[in-house]
Amino acid sequence: MANQSFRDLTVYKKAFELAMMIFRISKRFPKEEKYSLTDQIRRSSRSVAVCVAEAYRKRNYEAYFVSKSSDGDMENSETQVWLNFAFACEYITAEEFDDLLSRADEIGRLLNHMIENPEKYLTTKQKAEA
């Protein structure tokens, strides 16, 4: 994992893809939702990928790595709540909701793995010091 980039992580790829799907779908949301639901769901979904990148860049420090991974999980949970609102307001179909929620659930499982198993992601230097 030494020469790997955060862009190579499955969780990053999936989080980025989900954020882009949400961006495209949210273009259909009503104009009156621009400063509430639309901006919030875009921000939280993008923040998941950002947190993964930040955690990965700080994997020399286990506590920071776990903290940023946990932040990503929190943003992913927030995204799921916004998806619930989008579905309840009938801005997305049941099929879209199920697909997006399923993807978010998978991202949550991957983030949880990072949080519970940080040693698998730490740099060689950090592992040697442990």
N, C-alpha and C. Protein backbone atom coordinates (compact mmCIF):
# COMPACT_ATOMS: atom_id res chain seq x y z
N MET A 1 0.82 -1.19 0.00
CA MET A 1 0.00 0.00 0.00
C MET A 1 0.86 1.26 0.00
N ALA A 2 2.18 1.10 0.06
CA ALA A 2 3.10 2.22 0.18
C ALA A 2 3.01 3.21 -0.98
N ASN A 3 2.94 2.73 -2.20
CA ASN A 3 2.92 3.62 -3.35
C ASN A 3 1.50 3.90 -3.84
N GLN A 4 0.54 3.41 -3.12
CA GLN A 4 -0.86 3.58 -3.51
C GLN A 4 -1.34 4.99 -3.17
N SER A 5 -2.27 5.48 -3.95
CA SER A 5 -2.90 6.77 -3.71
C SER A 5 -4.28 6.53 -3.10
N PHE A 6 -4.80 7.52 -2.42
CA PHE A 6 -6.18 7.40 -1.92
C PHE A 6 -7.15 7.15 -3.05
N ARG A 7 -6.81 7.61 -4.27
CA ARG A 7 -7.67 7.41 -5.43
C ARG A 7 -7.80 5.94 -5.82
N ASP A 8 -6.86 5.11 -5.33
CA ASP A 8 -6.88 3.68 -5.63
C ASP A 8 -7.76 2.89 -4.67
N LEU A 9 -8.17 3.51 -3.57
CA LEU A 9 -8.98 2.81 -2.56
C LEU A 9 -10.40 2.58 -3.09
N THR A 10 -10.89 1.39 -2.90
CA THR A 10 -12.25 1.05 -3.32
C THR A 10 -13.26 2.00 -2.69
N VAL A 11 -13.10 2.29 -1.42
CA VAL A 11 -14.06 3.15 -0.72
C VAL A 11 -14.05 4.55 -1.33
N TYR A 12 -12.89 5.05 -1.70
CA TYR A 12 -12.83 6.37 -2.34
C TYR A 12 -13.55 6.35 -3.68
N LYS A 13 -13.26 5.34 -4.49
CA LYS A 13 -13.89 5.24 -5.81
C LYS A 13 -15.41 5.18 -5.69
N LYS A 14 -15.89 4.38 -4.75
CA LYS A 14 -17.33 4.23 -4.57
C LYS A 14 -17.97 5.51 -4.02
N ALA A 15 -17.28 6.17 -3.10
CA ALA A 15 -17.79 7.42 -2.54
C ALA A 15 -17.84 8.51 -3.60
N PHE A 16 -16.80 8.60 -4.41
CA PHE A 16 -16.76 9.59 -5.48
C PHE A 16 -17.88 9.33 -6.49
N GLU A 17 -18.04 8.06 -6.86
CA GLU A 17 -19.09 7.69 -7.82
C GLU A 17 -20.48 8.03 -7.27
N LEU A 18 -20.72 7.73 -6.00
CA LEU A 18 -22.01 8.04 -5.40
C LEU A 18 -22.24 9.55 -5.39
N ALA A 19 -21.23 10.32 -5.03
CA ALA A 19 -21.37 11.78 -5.00
C ALA A 19 -21.71 12.31 -6.39
N MET A 20 -21.11 11.75 -7.42
CA MET A 20 -21.40 12.19 -8.78
C MET A 20 -22.81 11.78 -9.21
N MET A 21 -23.25 10.60 -8.80
CA MET A 21 -24.63 10.17 -9.10
C MET A 21 -25.62 11.12 -8.43
N ILE A 22 -25.36 11.46 -7.18
CA ILE A 22 -26.24 12.37 -6.44
C ILE A 22 -26.23 13.75 -7.09
N PHE A 23 -25.08 14.19 -7.53
CA PHE A 23 -25.00 15.49 -8.22
C PHE A 23 -25.91 15.50 -9.44
N ARG A 24 -25.80 14.46 -10.26
CA ARG A 24 -26.60 14.40 -11.49
C ARG A 24 -28.11 14.33 -11.18
N ILE A 25 -28.46 13.48 -10.23
CA ILE A 25 -29.89 13.33 -9.89
C ILE A 25 -30.44 14.60 -9.25
N SER A 26 -29.62 15.25 -8.42
CA SER A 26 -30.10 16.44 -7.71
C SER A 26 -30.31 17.64 -8.63
N LYS A 27 -29.82 17.57 -9.86
CA LYS A 27 -30.09 18.64 -10.83
C LYS A 27 -31.59 18.75 -11.12
N ARG A 28 -32.32 17.67 -10.87
CA ARG A 28 -33.77 17.65 -11.10
C ARG A 28 -34.56 18.21 -9.93
N PHE A 29 -33.93 18.40 -8.79
CA PHE A 29 -34.66 18.87 -7.61
C PHE A 29 -35.24 20.27 -7.89
N PRO A 30 -36.34 20.58 -7.24
CA PRO A 30 -36.96 21.90 -7.45
C PRO A 30 -36.02 23.05 -7.05
N LYS A 31 -36.20 24.15 -7.72
CA LYS A 31 -35.36 25.33 -7.47
C LYS A 31 -35.43 25.77 -6.00
N GLU A 32 -36.59 25.63 -5.38
CA GLU A 32 -36.73 26.07 -3.98
C GLU A 32 -35.92 25.22 -3.00
N GLU A 33 -35.40 24.09 -3.48
CA GLU A 33 -34.56 23.23 -2.63
C GLU A 33 -33.07 23.54 -2.76
N LYS A 34 -32.72 24.49 -3.63
CA LYS A 34 -31.31 24.75 -3.92
C LYS A 34 -30.47 24.97 -2.66
N TYR A 35 -30.93 25.79 -1.74
CA TYR A 35 -30.12 26.14 -0.57
C TYR A 35 -30.38 25.24 0.63
N SER A 36 -31.20 24.24 0.44
CA SER A 36 -31.42 23.31 1.56
C SER A 36 -31.04 21.90 1.10
N LEU A 37 -31.97 21.17 0.62
CA LEU A 37 -31.73 19.76 0.28
C LEU A 37 -30.63 19.58 -0.77
N THR A 38 -30.70 20.32 -1.85
CA THR A 38 -29.74 20.13 -2.95
C THR A 38 -28.31 20.40 -2.48
N ASP A 39 -28.08 21.56 -1.88
CA ASP A 39 -26.73 21.88 -1.41
C ASP A 39 -26.27 20.91 -0.33
N GLN A 40 -27.15 20.55 0.58
CA GLN A 40 -26.76 19.69 1.70
C GLN A 40 -26.39 18.28 1.25
N ILE A 41 -27.20 17.70 0.38
CA ILE A 41 -26.91 16.33 -0.06
C ILE A 41 -25.65 16.30 -0.92
N ARG A 42 -25.43 17.33 -1.71
CA ARG A 42 -24.20 17.39 -2.49
C ARG A 42 -22.98 17.54 -1.57
N ARG A 43 -23.09 18.42 -0.59
CA ARG A 43 -21.97 18.65 0.33
C ARG A 43 -21.63 17.40 1.13
N SER A 44 -22.63 16.77 1.72
CA SER A 44 -22.35 15.60 2.56
C SER A 44 -21.82 14.44 1.73
N SER A 45 -22.37 14.23 0.54
CA SER A 45 -21.90 13.10 -0.28
C SER A 45 -20.47 13.33 -0.75
N ARG A 46 -20.13 14.55 -1.08
CA ARG A 46 -18.76 14.86 -1.49
C ARG A 46 -17.79 14.76 -0.32
N SER A 47 -18.26 15.11 0.85
CA SER A 47 -17.40 15.08 2.03
C SER A 47 -16.92 13.68 2.37
N VAL A 48 -17.67 12.67 2.00
CA VAL A 48 -17.24 11.29 2.27
C VAL A 48 -15.91 11.02 1.57
N ALA A 49 -15.85 11.32 0.28
CA ALA A 49 -14.61 11.11 -0.48
C ALA A 49 -13.48 11.98 0.06
N VAL A 50 -13.80 13.20 0.44
CA VAL A 50 -12.80 14.11 0.99
C VAL A 50 -12.22 13.55 2.28
N CYS A 51 -13.07 13.05 3.15
CA CYS A 51 -12.60 12.49 4.43
C CYS A 51 -11.72 11.26 4.20
N VAL A 52 -12.07 10.43 3.23
CA VAL A 52 -11.24 9.27 2.91
C VAL A 52 -9.85 9.73 2.47
N ALA A 53 -9.81 10.73 1.61
CA ALA A 53 -8.52 11.25 1.14
C ALA A 53 -7.71 11.81 2.31
N GLU A 54 -8.35 12.58 3.17
CA GLU A 54 -7.65 13.16 4.32
C GLU A 54 -7.14 12.08 5.27
N ALA A 55 -7.97 11.08 5.52
CA ALA A 55 -7.57 9.99 6.41
C ALA A 55 -6.37 9.25 5.83
N TYR A 56 -6.43 8.98 4.55
CA TYR A 56 -5.35 8.23 3.91
C TYR A 56 -4.04 9.00 3.94
N ARG A 57 -4.09 10.29 3.73
CA ARG A 57 -2.88 11.10 3.75
C ARG A 57 -2.28 11.20 5.14
N LYS A 58 -3.07 10.96 6.17
CA LYS A 58 -2.59 11.05 7.55
C LYS A 58 -2.49 9.67 8.20
N ARG A 59 -2.26 8.64 7.41
CA ARG A 59 -2.23 7.30 7.96
C ARG A 59 -0.96 7.00 8.75
N ASN A 60 -0.07 7.99 8.88
CA ASN A 60 1.07 7.86 9.80
C ASN A 60 0.59 7.97 11.25
N TYR A 61 -0.61 8.48 11.45
CA TYR A 61 -1.13 8.75 12.78
C TYR A 61 -2.46 8.02 12.95
N GLU A 62 -2.42 6.92 13.69
CA GLU A 62 -3.59 6.06 13.79
C GLU A 62 -4.83 6.80 14.29
N ALA A 63 -4.69 7.60 15.34
CA ALA A 63 -5.85 8.30 15.89
C ALA A 63 -6.46 9.26 14.87
N TYR A 64 -5.63 9.97 14.12
CA TYR A 64 -6.13 10.89 13.11
C TYR A 64 -6.82 10.11 11.99
N PHE A 65 -6.19 9.01 11.58
CA PHE A 65 -6.76 8.17 10.53
C PHE A 65 -8.16 7.70 10.93
N VAL A 66 -8.30 7.19 12.14
CA VAL A 66 -9.59 6.70 12.62
C VAL A 66 -10.59 7.85 12.73
N SER A 67 -10.14 9.00 13.22
CA SER A 67 -11.02 10.15 13.37
C SER A 67 -11.56 10.63 12.03
N LYS A 68 -10.70 10.77 11.02
CA LYS A 68 -11.15 11.22 9.71
C LYS A 68 -12.03 10.16 9.03
N SER A 69 -11.72 8.89 9.23
CA SER A 69 -12.56 7.83 8.69
C SER A 69 -13.93 7.87 9.33
N SER A 70 -13.96 8.15 10.62
CA SER A 70 -15.23 8.28 11.34
C SER A 70 -16.02 9.49 10.84
N ASP A 71 -15.32 10.58 10.55
CA ASP A 71 -15.99 11.75 9.96
C ASP A 71 -16.63 11.37 8.62
N GLY A 72 -15.92 10.59 7.83
CA GLY A 72 -16.47 10.13 6.55
C GLY A 72 -17.72 9.31 6.75
N ASP A 73 -17.71 8.45 7.77
CA ASP A 73 -18.88 7.63 8.08
C ASP A 73 -20.06 8.51 8.50
N MET A 74 -19.76 9.55 9.28
CA MET A 74 -20.80 10.49 9.71
C MET A 74 -21.40 11.20 8.50
N GLU A 75 -20.56 11.66 7.58
CA GLU A 75 -21.06 12.34 6.37
C GLU A 75 -21.89 11.38 5.51
N ASN A 76 -21.46 10.13 5.46
CA ASN A 76 -22.20 9.12 4.71
C ASN A 76 -23.59 8.90 5.33
N SER A 77 -23.65 8.88 6.65
CA SER A 77 -24.94 8.75 7.33
C SER A 77 -25.83 9.96 7.05
N GLU A 78 -25.22 11.14 7.06
CA GLU A 78 -25.99 12.35 6.75
C GLU A 78 -26.55 12.28 5.33
N THR A 79 -25.74 11.80 4.40
CA THR A 79 -26.20 11.65 3.02
C THR A 79 -27.41 10.74 2.96
N GLN A 80 -27.41 9.68 3.74
CA GLN A 80 -28.54 8.75 3.75
C GLN A 80 -29.80 9.44 4.26
N VAL A 81 -29.67 10.31 5.23
CA VAL A 81 -30.84 11.05 5.73
C VAL A 81 -31.38 11.97 4.64
N TRP A 82 -30.48 12.66 3.93
CA TRP A 82 -30.93 13.53 2.84
C TRP A 82 -31.60 12.72 1.73
N LEU A 83 -31.10 11.51 1.49
CA LEU A 83 -31.76 10.63 0.51
C LEU A 83 -33.17 10.28 0.98
N ASN A 84 -33.32 10.04 2.28
CA ASN A 84 -34.66 9.78 2.82
C ASN A 84 -35.60 10.95 2.55
N PHE A 85 -35.10 12.18 2.77
CA PHE A 85 -35.92 13.36 2.49
C PHE A 85 -36.25 13.47 1.00
N ALA A 86 -35.25 13.25 0.15
CA ALA A 86 -35.47 13.34 -1.30
C ALA A 86 -36.54 12.35 -1.75
N PHE A 87 -36.51 11.16 -1.19
CA PHE A 87 -37.50 10.16 -1.55
C PHE A 87 -38.88 10.53 -0.99
N ALA A 88 -38.92 10.94 0.27
CA ALA A 88 -40.19 11.32 0.89
C ALA A 88 -40.84 12.50 0.18
N CYS A 89 -40.03 13.39 -0.36
CA CYS A 89 -40.55 14.55 -1.10
C CYS A 89 -40.84 14.21 -2.56
N GLU A 90 -40.61 12.96 -2.93
CA GLU A 90 -40.86 12.46 -4.28
C GLU A 90 -39.99 13.13 -5.34
N TYR A 91 -38.74 13.44 -4.97
CA TYR A 91 -37.79 13.99 -5.92
C TYR A 91 -36.99 12.89 -6.61
N ILE A 92 -36.97 11.71 -6.01
CA ILE A 92 -36.30 10.55 -6.61
C ILE A 92 -37.26 9.37 -6.57
N THR A 93 -37.07 8.46 -7.50
CA THR A 93 -37.94 7.27 -7.58
C THR A 93 -37.53 6.25 -6.52
N ALA A 94 -38.38 5.28 -6.30
CA ALA A 94 -38.06 4.19 -5.37
C ALA A 94 -36.82 3.43 -5.84
N GLU A 95 -36.69 3.24 -7.14
CA GLU A 95 -35.53 2.52 -7.69
C GLU A 95 -34.24 3.32 -7.45
N GLU A 96 -34.30 4.62 -7.69
CA GLU A 96 -33.12 5.46 -7.45
C GLU A 96 -32.77 5.45 -5.97
N PHE A 97 -33.79 5.59 -5.12
CA PHE A 97 -33.56 5.59 -3.68
C PHE A 97 -32.90 4.30 -3.23
N ASP A 98 -33.45 3.17 -3.65
CA ASP A 98 -32.90 1.87 -3.27
C ASP A 98 -31.45 1.72 -3.73
N ASP A 99 -31.17 2.13 -4.96
CA ASP A 99 -29.82 2.02 -5.51
C ASP A 99 -28.84 2.91 -4.75
N LEU A 100 -29.21 4.17 -4.56
CA LEU A 100 -28.32 5.11 -3.87
C LEU A 100 -28.10 4.70 -2.42
N LEU A 101 -29.16 4.26 -1.76
CA LEU A 101 -29.04 3.84 -0.36
C LEU A 101 -28.19 2.58 -0.24
N SER A 102 -28.34 1.67 -1.16
CA SER A 102 -27.53 0.45 -1.17
C SER A 102 -26.05 0.80 -1.33
N ARG A 103 -25.76 1.73 -2.21
CA ARG A 103 -24.37 2.17 -2.42
C ARG A 103 -23.82 2.84 -1.15
N ALA A 104 -24.63 3.67 -0.53
CA ALA A 104 -24.21 4.34 0.70
C ALA A 104 -23.98 3.32 1.82
N ASP A 105 -24.83 2.31 1.89
CA ASP A 105 -24.65 1.25 2.90
C ASP A 105 -23.31 0.54 2.69
N GLU A 106 -22.99 0.24 1.43
CA GLU A 106 -21.71 -0.43 1.14
C GLU A 106 -20.54 0.46 1.54
N ILE A 107 -20.62 1.73 1.23
CA ILE A 107 -19.57 2.68 1.61
C ILE A 107 -19.44 2.71 3.13
N GLY A 108 -20.55 2.68 3.83
CA GLY A 108 -20.52 2.65 5.29
C GLY A 108 -19.82 1.42 5.83
N ARG A 109 -20.05 0.27 5.21
CA ARG A 109 -19.36 -0.95 5.64
C ARG A 109 -17.85 -0.85 5.41
N LEU A 110 -17.47 -0.27 4.27
CA LEU A 110 -16.04 -0.11 3.97
C LEU A 110 -15.38 0.87 4.95
N LEU A 111 -16.08 1.96 5.25
CA LEU A 111 -15.55 2.91 6.23
C LEU A 111 -15.45 2.27 7.61
N ASN A 112 -16.43 1.49 7.96
CA ASN A 112 -16.41 0.81 9.26
C ASN A 112 -15.21 -0.14 9.34
N HIS A 113 -14.89 -0.79 8.24
CA HIS A 113 -13.71 -1.66 8.21
C HIS A 113 -12.44 -0.85 8.48
N MET A 114 -12.36 0.33 7.89
CA MET A 114 -11.20 1.20 8.11
C MET A 114 -11.11 1.62 9.57
N ILE A 115 -12.23 1.94 10.15
CA ILE A 115 -12.26 2.40 11.55
C ILE A 115 -11.88 1.26 12.50
N GLU A 116 -12.39 0.07 12.24
CA GLU A 116 -12.14 -1.06 13.13
C GLU A 116 -10.80 -1.75 12.87
N ASN A 117 -10.19 -1.51 11.71
CA ASN A 117 -8.93 -2.18 11.36
C ASN A 117 -7.91 -1.18 10.82
N PRO A 118 -7.60 -0.14 11.57
CA PRO A 118 -6.70 0.89 11.04
C PRO A 118 -5.30 0.34 10.71
N GLU A 119 -4.89 -0.69 11.41
CA GLU A 119 -3.55 -1.25 11.17
C GLU A 119 -3.36 -1.73 9.74
N LYS A 120 -4.45 -2.05 9.06
CA LYS A 120 -4.36 -2.50 7.67
C LYS A 120 -4.08 -1.36 6.71
N TYR A 121 -4.21 -0.13 7.20
CA TYR A 121 -4.04 1.04 6.34
C TYR A 121 -2.86 1.91 6.74
N LEU A 122 -2.31 1.67 7.92
CA LEU A 122 -1.20 2.50 8.40
C LEU A 122 0.03 2.30 7.56
N THR A 123 0.89 3.33 7.57
CA THR A 123 2.16 3.23 6.85
C THR A 123 3.05 2.22 7.57
N THR A 124 4.07 1.76 6.88
CA THR A 124 5.02 0.79 7.44
C THR A 124 5.66 1.37 8.69
N LYS A 125 6.02 2.65 8.67
CA LYS A 125 6.63 3.32 9.82
C LYS A 125 5.73 3.25 11.05
N GLN A 126 4.47 3.55 10.87
CA GLN A 126 3.51 3.54 11.99
C GLN A 126 3.33 2.12 12.52
N LYS A 127 3.28 1.13 11.63
CA LYS A 127 3.13 -0.26 12.06
C LYS A 127 4.33 -0.71 12.89
N ALA A 128 5.52 -0.27 12.50
CA ALA A 128 6.74 -0.65 13.20
C ALA A 128 6.77 -0.07 14.61
N GLU A 129 6.18 1.11 14.79
CA GLU A 129 6.18 1.77 16.09
C GLU A 129 5.12 1.18 17.03
N ALA A 130 4.15 0.49 16.46
CA ALA A 130 3.05 -0.05 17.28
C ALA A 130 3.46 -1.25 18.11
